[in-house]
Amino acid sequence: MAQLRDLPAISGAMIWARQIERQLQAYMKRLEDALGKDWELHAEGQRLRIDCNDLMKKLDTRPVIYCHLK
């Protein structure tokens, strides 16, 4: 997709990561709306929160930016 739109590969990866991050935040908001504000305190909610945090760490674009600036 990045080649089609004439974007550098790193830019395409960053755009993709940000889009996935926004979708994940939207899903977490839906969880809160459906299960209540304390959804993270339940056993299943804690496991979901840990999984979401792990995925957010993988989507973090800061290491990619710093790697390419050096």
Protein backbone atom coordinates (compact mmCIF):
# COMPACT_ATOMS: atom_id res chain seq x y z
CA MET A 1 0.00 0.00 0.00
CA ALA A 2 2.87 2.37 0.79
CA GLN A 3 4.35 1.84 -2.67
CA LEU A 4 0.99 2.47 -4.29
CA ARG A 5 0.67 5.82 -2.55
CA ASP A 6 4.37 6.61 -2.99
CA LEU A 7 5.15 6.63 0.74
CA PRO A 8 8.41 5.45 2.28
CA ALA A 9 8.07 2.01 3.89
CA ILE A 10 8.66 3.40 7.37
CA SER A 11 5.85 5.92 6.94
CA GLY A 12 3.47 3.20 5.83
CA ALA A 13 4.37 1.10 8.88
CA MET A 14 3.79 4.05 11.19
CA ILE A 15 0.43 4.88 9.62
CA TRP A 16 -0.63 1.24 9.90
CA ALA A 17 0.44 1.06 13.56
CA ARG A 18 -1.42 4.26 14.44
CA GLN A 19 -4.60 3.01 12.74
CA ILE A 20 -4.47 -0.27 14.66
CA GLU A 21 -3.79 1.66 17.87
CA ARG A 22 -6.87 3.85 17.34
CA GLN A 23 -9.00 0.77 16.65
CA LEU A 24 -7.73 -0.91 19.81
CA GLN A 25 -8.57 2.18 21.86
CA ALA A 26 -12.06 2.21 20.35
CA TYR A 27 -12.54 -1.47 21.27
CA MET A 28 -11.39 -0.80 24.83
CA LYS A 29 -13.90 2.07 25.04
CA ARG A 30 -16.62 -0.30 23.86
CA LEU A 31 -15.59 -2.76 26.57
CA GLU A 32 -15.95 -0.02 29.14
CA ASP A 33 -19.35 0.95 27.75
CA ALA A 34 -20.58 -2.65 27.81
CA LEU A 35 -19.02 -3.88 31.07
CA GLY A 36 -18.87 -0.68 33.10
CA LYS A 37 -16.08 1.57 34.27
CA ASP A 38 -14.63 -1.13 36.56
CA TRP A 39 -14.21 -3.72 33.81
CA GLU A 40 -10.46 -3.88 34.48
CA LEU A 41 -11.03 -5.07 38.06
CA HIS A 42 -12.62 -8.38 37.03
CA ALA A 43 -10.46 -11.41 36.25
CA GLU A 44 -11.39 -11.45 32.56
CA GLY A 45 -11.02 -7.68 32.35
CA GLN A 46 -7.53 -7.80 33.86
CA ARG A 47 -6.48 -10.39 31.29
CA LEU A 48 -7.94 -8.30 28.46
CA ARG A 49 -6.20 -5.19 29.76
CA ILE A 50 -2.84 -7.00 29.91
CA ASP A 51 -3.32 -8.24 26.34
CA CYS A 52 -4.27 -4.75 25.16
CA ASN A 53 -1.24 -3.21 26.88
CA ASP A 54 1.06 -5.80 25.30
CA LEU A 55 -0.35 -5.05 21.87
CA MET A 56 -0.04 -1.29 22.45
CA LYS A 57 3.64 -1.77 23.30
CA LYS A 58 4.16 -3.62 20.02
CA LEU A 59 2.42 -0.81 18.12
CA ASP A 60 4.58 1.91 19.69
CA THR A 61 6.23 3.82 16.84
CA ARG A 62 8.81 5.71 18.90
CA PRO A 63 11.54 3.02 18.66
CA VAL A 64 11.08 2.91 14.89
CA ILE A 65 11.47 6.67 14.59
CA TYR A 66 14.54 6.81 16.82
CA CYS A 67 16.15 3.88 15.02
CA HIS A 68 15.88 5.62 11.65
CA LEU A 69 17.01 9.01 12.93
CA LYS A 70 20.42 7.67 13.95
